[in-house]
C-alpha atoms as a PDB file:
ATOM      1  CA  UNK A   1      53.987  -9.813  -5.087  1.00  0.00           C
ATOM      2  CA  UNK A   2      50.475 -10.013  -5.834  1.00  0.00           C
ATOM      3  CA  UNK A   3      49.003  -8.017  -8.820  1.00  0.00           C
ATOM      4  CA  UNK A   4      46.426  -5.605  -7.732  1.00  0.00           C
ATOM      5  CA  UNK A   5      42.635  -6.482  -8.463  1.00  0.00           C
ATOM      6  CA  UNK A   6      41.848  -4.936 -11.769  1.00  0.00           C
ATOM      7  CA  UNK A   7      38.002  -5.049 -11.245  1.00  0.00           C
ATOM      8  CA  UNK A   8      35.164  -3.478  -9.559  1.00  0.00           C
ATOM      9  CA  UNK A   9      32.277  -5.027  -7.575  1.00  0.00           C
ATOM     10  CA  UNK A  10      28.875  -2.982  -7.361  1.00  0.00           C
ATOM     11  CA  UNK A  11      25.732  -3.968  -5.696  1.00  0.00           C
ATOM     12  CA  UNK A  12      22.330  -2.726  -7.521  1.00  0.00           C
ATOM     13  CA  UNK A  13      19.066  -2.538  -6.016  1.00  0.00           C
ATOM     14  CA  UNK A  14      15.695  -2.660  -7.891  1.00  0.00           C
ATOM     15  CA  UNK A  15      12.099  -3.093  -7.538  1.00  0.00           C
ATOM     16  CA  UNK A  16       9.039  -3.922  -9.538  1.00  0.00           C
ATOM     17  CA  UNK A  17       5.408  -3.577  -8.831  1.00  0.00           C
ATOM     18  CA  UNK A  18       2.102  -4.881  -9.897  1.00  0.00           C
ATOM     19  CA  UNK A  19      -1.352  -5.430  -8.842  1.00  0.00           C
ATOM     20  CA  UNK A  20      -2.425  -8.284  -6.306  1.00  0.00           C
ATOM     21  CA  UNK A  21      -4.657 -10.854  -8.439  1.00  0.00           C
ATOM     22  CA  UNK A  22      -5.536 -13.251  -5.508  1.00  0.00           C
ATOM     23  CA  UNK A  23      -6.638 -13.160  -2.051  1.00  0.00           C
ATOM     24  CA  UNK A  24      -5.496 -15.755   0.399  1.00  0.00           C
ATOM     25  CA  UNK A  25      -8.088 -15.870   3.185  1.00  0.00           C
ATOM     26  CA  UNK A  26      -7.909 -18.014   6.518  1.00  0.00           C
ATOM     27  CA  UNK A  27     -11.321 -18.449   8.190  1.00  0.00           C
ATOM     28  CA  UNK A  28     -13.011 -20.703  10.446  1.00  0.00           C
ATOM     29  CA  UNK A  29     -15.931 -22.292  11.851  1.00  0.00           C
ATOM     30  CA  UNK A  30     -16.126 -22.401  15.614  1.00  0.00           C
ATOM     31  CA  UNK A  31     -18.711 -24.002  18.149  1.00  0.00           C
ATOM     32  CA  UNK A  32     -19.145 -23.969  21.842  1.00  0.00           C
ATOM     33  CA  UNK A  33     -20.800 -26.711  23.847  1.00  0.00           C
ATOM     34  CA  UNK A  34     -20.714 -28.438  27.343  1.00  0.00           C
ATOM     35  CA  UNK A  35     -20.330 -31.753  25.777  1.00  0.00           C
ATOM     36  CA  UNK A  36     -17.349 -32.489  23.459  1.00  0.00           C
ATOM     37  CA  UNK A  37     -18.971 -34.451  20.944  1.00  0.00           C
ATOM     38  CA  UNK A  38     -21.740 -31.907  20.585  1.00  0.00           C
ATOM     39  CA  UNK A  39     -19.286 -29.159  20.175  1.00  0.00           C
ATOM     40  CA  UNK A  40     -17.290 -30.955  17.535  1.00  0.00           C
ATOM     41  CA  UNK A  41     -20.452 -32.177  15.516  1.00  0.00           C
ATOM     42  CA  UNK A  42     -21.803 -28.619  15.674  1.00  0.00           C
ATOM     43  CA  UNK A  43     -18.608 -27.174  14.345  1.00  0.00           C
ATOM     44  CA  UNK A  44     -18.262 -29.771  11.518  1.00  0.00           C
ATOM     45  CA  UNK A  45     -21.875 -29.207  10.288  1.00  0.00           C
ATOM     46  CA  UNK A  46     -21.090 -25.397  10.321  1.00  0.00           C
ATOM     47  CA  UNK A  47     -17.814 -26.022   8.479  1.00  0.00           C
ATOM     48  CA  UNK A  48     -19.635 -27.960   5.888  1.00  0.00           C
ATOM     49  CA  UNK A  49     -22.163 -25.055   5.265  1.00  0.00           C
ATOM     50  CA  UNK A  50     -19.461 -22.797   5.218  1.00  0.00           C
ATOM     51  CA  UNK A  51     -17.413 -25.003   2.591  1.00  0.00           C
ATOM     52  CA  UNK A  52     -20.605 -25.299   0.432  1.00  0.00           C
ATOM     53  CA  UNK A  53     -21.433 -21.696   0.710  1.00  0.00           C
ATOM     54  CA  UNK A  54     -17.697 -20.753  -0.655  1.00  0.00           C
ATOM     55  CA  UNK A  55     -18.142 -22.982  -3.624  1.00  0.00           C
ATOM     56  CA  UNK A  56     -21.576 -21.458  -4.610  1.00  0.00           C
ATOM     57  CA  UNK A  57     -19.891 -17.994  -4.452  1.00  0.00           C
ATOM     58  CA  UNK A  58     -17.267 -19.617  -6.919  1.00  0.00           C
ATOM     59  CA  UNK A  59     -14.623 -20.860  -5.179  1.00  0.00           C
ATOM     60  CA  UNK A  60     -12.835 -23.713  -6.874  1.00  0.00           C
ATOM     61  CA  UNK A  61     -12.528 -27.080  -5.107  1.00  0.00           C
ATOM     62  CA  UNK A  62      -8.898 -26.978  -5.593  1.00  0.00           C
ATOM     63  CA  UNK A  63      -8.879 -23.532  -3.826  1.00  0.00           C
ATOM     64  CA  UNK A  64     -10.269 -24.448  -0.410  1.00  0.00           C
ATOM     65  CA  UNK A  65      -8.543 -26.803   1.927  1.00  0.00           C
ATOM     66  CA  UNK A  66      -8.695 -27.349   5.752  1.00  0.00           C
ATOM     67  CA  UNK A  67      -5.701 -26.185   7.510  1.00  0.00           C
ATOM     68  CA  UNK A  68      -6.788 -27.961  10.876  1.00  0.00           C
ATOM     69  CA  UNK A  69      -9.517 -29.028  13.103  1.00  0.00           C
ATOM     70  CA  UNK A  70      -9.068 -28.889  17.034  1.00  0.00           C
ATOM     71  CA  UNK A  71     -11.006 -29.004  20.160  1.00  0.00           C
ATOM     72  CA  UNK A  72     -10.178 -27.172  23.238  1.00  0.00           C
ATOM     73  CA  UNK A  73     -11.227 -27.201  26.661  1.00  0.00           C
ATOM     74  CA  UNK A  74     -12.960 -24.165  28.516  1.00  0.00           C
ATOM     75  CA  UNK A  75     -12.154 -24.128  32.168  1.00  0.00           C
ATOM     76  CA  UNK A  76     -14.109 -23.056  34.871  1.00  0.00           C
ATOM     77  CA  UNK A  77     -13.825 -22.190  38.455  1.00  0.00           C
ATOM     78  CA  UNK A  78     -11.455 -24.425  40.481  1.00  0.00           C
ATOM     79  CA  UNK A  79      -9.679 -25.572  37.247  1.00  0.00           C
ATOM     80  CA  UNK A  80     -12.993 -27.591  36.429  1.00  0.00           C
ATOM     81  CA  UNK A  81     -14.067 -28.240  32.571  1.00  0.00           C
ATOM     82  CA  UNK A  82     -16.938 -25.808  31.865  1.00  0.00           C
ATOM     83  CA  UNK A  83     -17.274 -26.986  28.222  1.00  0.00           C
ATOM     84  CA  UNK A  84     -15.445 -27.426  25.076  1.00  0.00           C
ATOM     85  CA  UNK A  85     -14.576 -25.427  21.734  1.00  0.00           C
ATOM     86  CA  UNK A  86     -14.181 -26.829  18.513  1.00  0.00           C
ATOM     87  CA  UNK A  87     -12.740 -25.178  15.552  1.00  0.00           C
ATOM     88  CA  UNK A  88     -12.201 -25.990  11.837  1.00  0.00           C
ATOM     89  CA  UNK A  89      -9.878 -23.824   9.961  1.00  0.00           C
ATOM     90  CA  UNK A  90     -10.117 -23.244   6.350  1.00  0.00           C
ATOM     91  CA  UNK A  91      -7.723 -21.715   3.675  1.00  0.00           C
ATOM     92  CA  UNK A  92      -9.341 -20.321   0.836  1.00  0.00           C
ATOM     93  CA  UNK A  93      -7.700 -18.779  -2.281  1.00  0.00           C
ATOM     94  CA  UNK A  94      -9.970 -16.160  -3.950  1.00  0.00           C
ATOM     95  CA  UNK A  95      -9.115 -14.780  -7.628  1.00  0.00           C
ATOM     96  CA  UNK A  96     -10.986 -11.773  -7.327  1.00  0.00           C
ATOM     97  CA  UNK A  97      -9.625  -9.206  -4.937  1.00  0.00           C
ATOM     98  CA  UNK A  98     -12.495  -6.638  -5.996  1.00  0.00           C
ATOM     99  CA  UNK A  99     -15.279  -8.811  -4.606  1.00  0.00           C
ATOM    100  CA  UNK A 100     -13.568 -10.604  -1.486  1.00  0.00           C
ATOM    101  CA  UNK A 101     -15.652  -8.393   0.734  1.00  0.00           C
ATOM    102  CA  UNK A 102     -18.823 -10.462  -0.783  1.00  0.00           C
ATOM    103  CA  UNK A 103     -17.340 -13.612  -0.179  1.00  0.00           C
ATOM    104  CA  UNK A 104     -16.698 -12.850   3.354  1.00  0.00           C
ATOM    105  CA  UNK A 105     -20.267 -11.421   3.714  1.00  0.00           C
ATOM    106  CA  UNK A 106     -21.465 -14.622   2.183  1.00  0.00           C
ATOM    107  CA  UNK A 107     -19.671 -16.805   4.585  1.00  0.00           C
ATOM    108  CA  UNK A 108     -20.588 -14.996   7.699  1.00  0.00           C
ATOM    109  CA  UNK A 109     -24.423 -15.026   6.660  1.00  0.00           C
ATOM    110  CA  UNK A 110     -24.176 -18.771   6.177  1.00  0.00           C
ATOM    111  CA  UNK A 111     -22.883 -19.905   9.728  1.00  0.00           C
ATOM    112  CA  UNK A 112     -23.767 -16.642  11.647  1.00  0.00           C
ATOM    113  CA  UNK A 113     -21.757 -16.526  14.880  1.00  0.00           C
ATOM    114  CA  UNK A 114     -19.735 -19.734  14.045  1.00  0.00           C
ATOM    115  CA  UNK A 115     -17.882 -17.632  11.422  1.00  0.00           C
ATOM    116  CA  UNK A 116     -14.453 -16.769  12.251  1.00  0.00           C
ATOM    117  CA  UNK A 117     -12.314 -14.408  10.040  1.00  0.00           C
ATOM    118  CA  UNK A 118      -8.383 -14.909  10.863  1.00  0.00           C
ATOM    119  CA  UNK A 119      -6.811 -13.296   7.931  1.00  0.00           C
ATOM    120  CA  UNK A 120      -6.804 -11.612   4.671  1.00  0.00           C
ATOM    121  CA  UNK A 121      -3.612 -11.572   2.563  1.00  0.00           C
ATOM    122  CA  UNK A 122      -3.392  -9.700  -0.984  1.00  0.00           C
ATOM    123  CA  UNK A 123      -0.792 -11.549  -3.190  1.00  0.00           C
ATOM    124  CA  UNK A 124       0.272 -12.176  -6.936  1.00  0.00           C
ATOM    125  CA  UNK A 125      -0.331 -15.537  -7.636  1.00  0.00           C
ATOM    126  CA  UNK A 126       2.855 -16.061 -10.031  1.00  0.00           C
ATOM    127  CA  UNK A 127       5.458 -13.442  -8.694  1.00  0.00           C
ATOM    128  CA  UNK A 128       8.098 -14.914 -11.142  1.00  0.00           C
ATOM    129  CA  UNK A 129       7.542 -11.956 -13.715  1.00  0.00           C
ATOM    130  CA  UNK A 130       7.731  -9.168 -11.110  1.00  0.00           C
ATOM    131  CA  UNK A 131      10.962 -10.769  -9.876  1.00  0.00           C
ATOM    132  CA  UNK A 132      12.573 -10.810 -13.292  1.00  0.00           C
ATOM    133  CA  UNK A 133      11.583  -7.000 -13.553  1.00  0.00           C
ATOM    134  CA  UNK A 134      13.223  -6.261 -10.203  1.00  0.00           C
ATOM    135  CA  UNK A 135      16.486  -8.016 -11.103  1.00  0.00           C
ATOM    136  CA  UNK A 136      16.654  -6.184 -14.223  1.00  0.00           C
ATOM    137  CA  UNK A 137      16.299  -3.136 -12.680  1.00  0.00           C
ATOM    138  CA  UNK A 138      18.841  -4.042 -10.003  1.00  0.00           C
ATOM    139  CA  UNK A 139      21.188  -4.725 -12.797  1.00  0.00           C
ATOM    140  CA  UNK A 140      20.793  -1.448 -14.535  1.00  0.00           C
ATOM    141  CA  UNK A 141      21.270   0.198 -11.208  1.00  0.00           C
ATOM    142  CA  UNK A 142      24.377  -1.625 -10.681  1.00  0.00           C
ATOM    143  CA  UNK A 143      25.776  -1.003 -14.290  1.00  0.00           C
ATOM    144  CA  UNK A 144      24.866   2.873 -13.941  1.00  0.00           C
ATOM    145  CA  UNK A 145      26.906   2.819 -10.480  1.00  0.00           C
ATOM    146  CA  UNK A 146      29.739   1.014 -12.138  1.00  0.00           C
ATOM    147  CA  UNK A 147      29.841   3.369 -15.361  1.00  0.00           C
ATOM    148  CA  UNK A 148      29.744   6.257 -12.760  1.00  0.00           C
ATOM    149  CA  UNK A 149      32.856   5.189 -10.725  1.00  0.00           C
ATOM    150  CA  UNK A 150      35.035   3.954 -13.698  1.00  0.00           C
ATOM    151  CA  UNK A 151      34.147   7.560 -15.220  1.00  0.00           C
ATOM    152  CA  UNK A 152      35.727   9.065 -12.011  1.00  0.00           C
ATOM    153  CA  UNK A 153      38.669   6.465 -12.275  1.00  0.00           C
ATOM    154  CA  UNK A 154      39.151   7.530 -15.766  1.00  0.00           C
ATOM    155  CA  UNK A 155      39.066   3.809 -16.710  1.00  0.00           C
ATOM    156  CA  UNK A 156      37.027   1.586 -19.015  1.00  0.00           C
ATOM    157  CA  UNK A 157      34.169  -0.918 -17.925  1.00  0.00           C
ATOM    158  CA  UNK A 158      35.340  -4.403 -19.331  1.00  0.00           C
ATOM    159  CA  UNK A 159      33.074  -7.579 -19.334  1.00  0.00           C
ATOM    160  CA  UNK A 160      31.258  -9.062 -16.385  1.00  0.00           C
ATOM    161  CA  UNK A 161      33.177 -11.376 -14.191  1.00  0.00           C
ATOM    162  CA  UNK A 162      30.658 -12.517 -11.886  1.00  0.00           C
ATOM    163  CA  UNK A 163      27.096 -12.031 -10.845  1.00  0.00           C
ATOM    164  CA  UNK A 164      25.325 -12.937  -7.757  1.00  0.00           C
ATOM    165  CA  UNK A 165      22.041 -12.233  -5.541  1.00  0.00           C
ATOM    166  CA  UNK A 166      23.594 -11.423  -1.865  1.00  0.00           C
ATOM    167  CA  UNK A 167      21.144 -12.492   0.812  1.00  0.00           C
ATOM    168  CA  UNK A 168      18.784 -10.014   2.111  1.00  0.00           C
ATOM    169  CA  UNK A 169      17.465  -9.896   5.516  1.00  0.00           C
ATOM    170  CA  UNK A 170      13.827  -9.402   4.309  1.00  0.00           C
ATOM    171  CA  UNK A 171      12.269 -11.418   1.397  1.00  0.00           C
ATOM    172  CA  UNK A 172      10.093  -9.919  -1.271  1.00  0.00           C
ATOM    173  CA  UNK A 173       7.740  -7.443   0.335  1.00  0.00           C
ATOM    174  CA  UNK A 174       4.055  -7.111  -0.403  1.00  0.00           C
ATOM    175  CA  UNK A 175       3.179  -3.395  -0.207  1.00  0.00           C
ATOM    176  CA  UNK A 176      -0.591  -4.083  -0.554  1.00  0.00           C
ATOM    177  CA  UNK A 177      -2.693  -1.521   1.585  1.00  0.00           C
ATOM    178  CA  UNK A 178      -5.627  -3.360   2.983  1.00  0.00           C
ATOM    179  CA  UNK A 179      -8.548  -1.764   4.890  1.00  0.00           C
ATOM    180  CA  UNK A 180     -12.073  -3.041   5.639  1.00  0.00           C
ATOM    181  CA  UNK A 181     -14.472  -0.638   3.993  1.00  0.00           C
ATOM    182  CA  UNK A 182     -17.745  -0.041   6.116  1.00  0.00           C
ATOM    183  CA  UNK A 183     -20.915  -1.507   4.721  1.00  0.00           C
ATOM    184  CA  UNK A 184     -19.503  -4.127   2.151  1.00  0.00           C
ATOM    185  CA  UNK A 185     -16.289  -5.275   3.653  1.00  0.00           C
ATOM    186  CA  UNK A 186     -14.244  -4.375   0.484  1.00  0.00           C
ATOM    187  CA  UNK A 187     -10.508  -4.611   0.491  1.00  0.00           C
ATOM    188  CA  UNK A 188      -8.151  -1.917  -0.860  1.00  0.00           C
ATOM    189  CA  UNK A 189      -5.809  -3.680  -3.564  1.00  0.00           C
ATOM    190  CA  UNK A 190      -3.014  -1.286  -3.537  1.00  0.00           C
ATOM    191  CA  UNK A 191       0.200  -2.554  -5.072  1.00  0.00           C
ATOM    192  CA  UNK A 192       2.411  -5.690  -4.546  1.00  0.00           C
ATOM    193  CA  UNK A 193       6.291  -4.535  -4.873  1.00  0.00           C
ATOM    194  CA  UNK A 194       8.958  -7.161  -5.225  1.00  0.00           C
ATOM    195  CA  UNK A 195      12.688  -6.263  -4.559  1.00  0.00           C
ATOM    196  CA  UNK A 196      15.902  -7.446  -5.684  1.00  0.00           C
ATOM    197  CA  UNK A 197      19.543  -6.920  -5.260  1.00  0.00           C
ATOM    198  CA  UNK A 198      22.534  -8.184  -7.541  1.00  0.00           C
ATOM    199  CA  UNK A 199      26.130  -8.093  -6.984  1.00  0.00           C
ATOM    200  CA  UNK A 200      28.156  -7.565 -10.259  1.00  0.00           C
ATOM    201  CA  UNK A 201      31.932  -7.627 -10.771  1.00  0.00           C
ATOM    202  CA  UNK A 202      33.401  -6.076 -13.696  1.00  0.00           C
ATOM    203  CA  UNK A 203      36.885  -6.253 -15.242  1.00  0.00           C
ATOM    204  CA  UNK A 204      38.518  -3.004 -15.530  1.00  0.00           C
ATOM    205  CA  UNK A 205      39.789  -1.867 -18.966  1.00  0.00           C
END
């Protein structure tokens, strides 16, 4: 006959929040022309001017990289080519969220209507410290639940037998609130929140 399991397993949840310290921006230079070589050359010239402007604003060489260069055909009536559209996409890491609006304005001013803004994402560059705090909060939550349950059962809580992180349907969630403010293109920094869950099994005394 199998002996009854003398343990208790609890899942705890925790979170930790911090202010985003970087902004990940995807932007592009785009040009249209009836000739494919003209479209590509115009686009590349705009991209070079955009890159130079970003560096003048303080973007480090290591923080800007090309995501891709593409040329698409614009089709006219009766499926005939009407021209070509060339796009050069850049990923930029900006290290001062409070001034990203000025960076975007400078980029737009440098290349005019060739400028395209695809995304602005606030982030914590090194989320490891937040993750550690979230795990600690999750463990404390599990311990609180376990103590409550053993008190109800009039038992004692023994040593930890196992601990792991159950799979989560959603990963760490940035809870940053973003809004383009009128006039200067500012971004509201908000908070970046990391969540954690721990499954802990204790022996019963």
